[in-house]
């Protein structure tokens, strides 16, 4: 019975790890897509000369979002590959 529970828990942990990565990817996509929509709306409402600084700001925000995604992914990969310190082999 213990082996069946271990397999089930392992399966749930695997799904959990993939869900973290997928949620980070959707978060990055949503933030960058929202910025693009904002740029389209600003360009439609006001002349192009005034909206140019917003393009630079959006590129900066996109780079920052990608950096945050990279760092969170690295942390999750690091946590996923660390061993458990309490296990000792006799």
Protein backbone atom coordinates (compact mmCIF):
# COMPACT_ATOMS: atom_id res chain seq x y z
CA UNK A 1 0.00 0.00 0.00
CA UNK A 2 2.88 2.36 0.77
CA UNK A 3 4.28 1.96 -2.77
CA UNK A 4 0.95 2.96 -4.36
CA UNK A 5 0.77 6.09 -2.23
CA UNK A 6 4.39 6.94 -3.10
CA UNK A 7 3.66 6.64 -6.82
CA UNK A 8 0.57 8.82 -6.47
CA UNK A 9 2.45 11.48 -4.49
CA UNK A 10 5.28 11.39 -7.02
CA UNK A 11 2.79 11.89 -9.84
CA UNK A 12 1.26 14.88 -8.03
CA UNK A 13 4.71 16.39 -7.48
CA UNK A 14 5.51 16.02 -11.18
CA UNK A 15 2.28 17.77 -12.13
CA UNK A 16 3.08 20.49 -9.59
CA UNK A 17 6.48 21.18 -11.13
CA UNK A 18 5.07 21.46 -14.64
CA UNK A 19 2.21 23.65 -13.38
CA UNK A 20 4.73 26.11 -11.91
CA UNK A 21 6.51 26.48 -15.24
CA UNK A 22 3.29 26.80 -17.20
CA UNK A 23 1.91 29.40 -14.80
CA UNK A 24 5.12 31.43 -15.10
CA UNK A 25 4.94 31.26 -18.89
CA UNK A 26 1.30 32.42 -18.89
CA UNK A 27 2.18 35.23 -16.50
CA UNK A 28 4.99 36.43 -18.76
CA UNK A 29 2.79 36.17 -21.85
CA UNK A 30 -0.08 38.01 -20.17
CA UNK A 31 2.07 40.88 -18.96
CA UNK A 32 3.77 41.41 -22.31
CA UNK A 33 0.48 41.06 -24.21
CA UNK A 34 -1.19 43.60 -21.90
CA UNK A 35 1.66 46.02 -22.62
CA UNK A 36 1.17 45.58 -26.35
CA UNK A 37 -2.55 46.24 -26.03
CA UNK A 38 -1.77 49.35 -23.97
CA UNK A 39 0.56 50.60 -26.72
CA UNK A 40 -2.09 50.07 -29.39
CA UNK A 41 -4.68 51.97 -27.36
CA UNK A 42 -2.29 54.85 -26.62
CA UNK A 43 -1.23 55.06 -30.27
CA UNK A 44 -4.89 55.15 -31.30
CA UNK A 45 -5.91 57.82 -28.80
CA UNK A 46 -2.98 60.24 -29.03
CA UNK A 47 -0.57 61.19 -31.84
CA UNK A 48 2.43 58.96 -32.53
CA UNK A 49 5.02 61.49 -31.37
CA UNK A 50 3.59 61.58 -27.84
CA UNK A 51 3.30 57.78 -27.65
CA UNK A 52 6.97 57.12 -28.56
CA UNK A 53 8.24 57.20 -24.93
CA UNK A 54 5.71 54.49 -24.08
CA UNK A 55 7.32 52.17 -26.64
CA UNK A 56 10.68 52.52 -24.88
CA UNK A 57 9.01 51.95 -21.53
CA UNK A 58 7.28 48.84 -22.84
CA UNK A 59 10.57 47.40 -24.13
CA UNK A 60 12.08 47.98 -20.68
CA UNK A 61 9.10 46.35 -18.96
CA UNK A 62 9.34 43.39 -21.35
CA UNK A 63 13.00 42.89 -20.50
CA UNK A 64 12.25 43.12 -16.80
CA UNK A 65 9.42 40.57 -17.09
CA UNK A 66 11.71 38.20 -18.97
CA UNK A 67 14.37 38.65 -16.29
CA UNK A 68 11.89 37.90 -13.50
CA UNK A 69 10.68 34.83 -15.43
CA UNK A 70 14.28 33.67 -15.84
CA UNK A 71 15.10 34.13 -12.15
CA UNK A 72 11.93 32.38 -10.94
CA UNK A 73 12.57 29.51 -13.36
CA UNK A 74 16.13 29.17 -12.09
CA UNK A 75 14.93 29.08 -8.49
CA UNK A 76 12.33 26.42 -9.29
CA UNK A 77 14.88 24.33 -11.22
CA UNK A 78 17.34 24.65 -8.36
CA UNK A 79 14.76 23.58 -5.79
CA UNK A 80 13.66 20.69 -7.99
CA UNK A 81 17.20 19.32 -8.33
CA UNK A 82 18.34 19.69 -4.71
CA UNK A 83 18.57 16.53 -2.70
CA UNK A 84 16.93 16.05 0.64
CA UNK A 85 19.54 16.52 3.37
CA UNK A 86 17.92 14.16 5.86
CA UNK A 87 18.40 10.99 3.86
CA UNK A 88 21.38 8.95 5.04
CA UNK A 89 22.42 5.61 3.61
CA UNK A 90 23.41 2.94 6.15
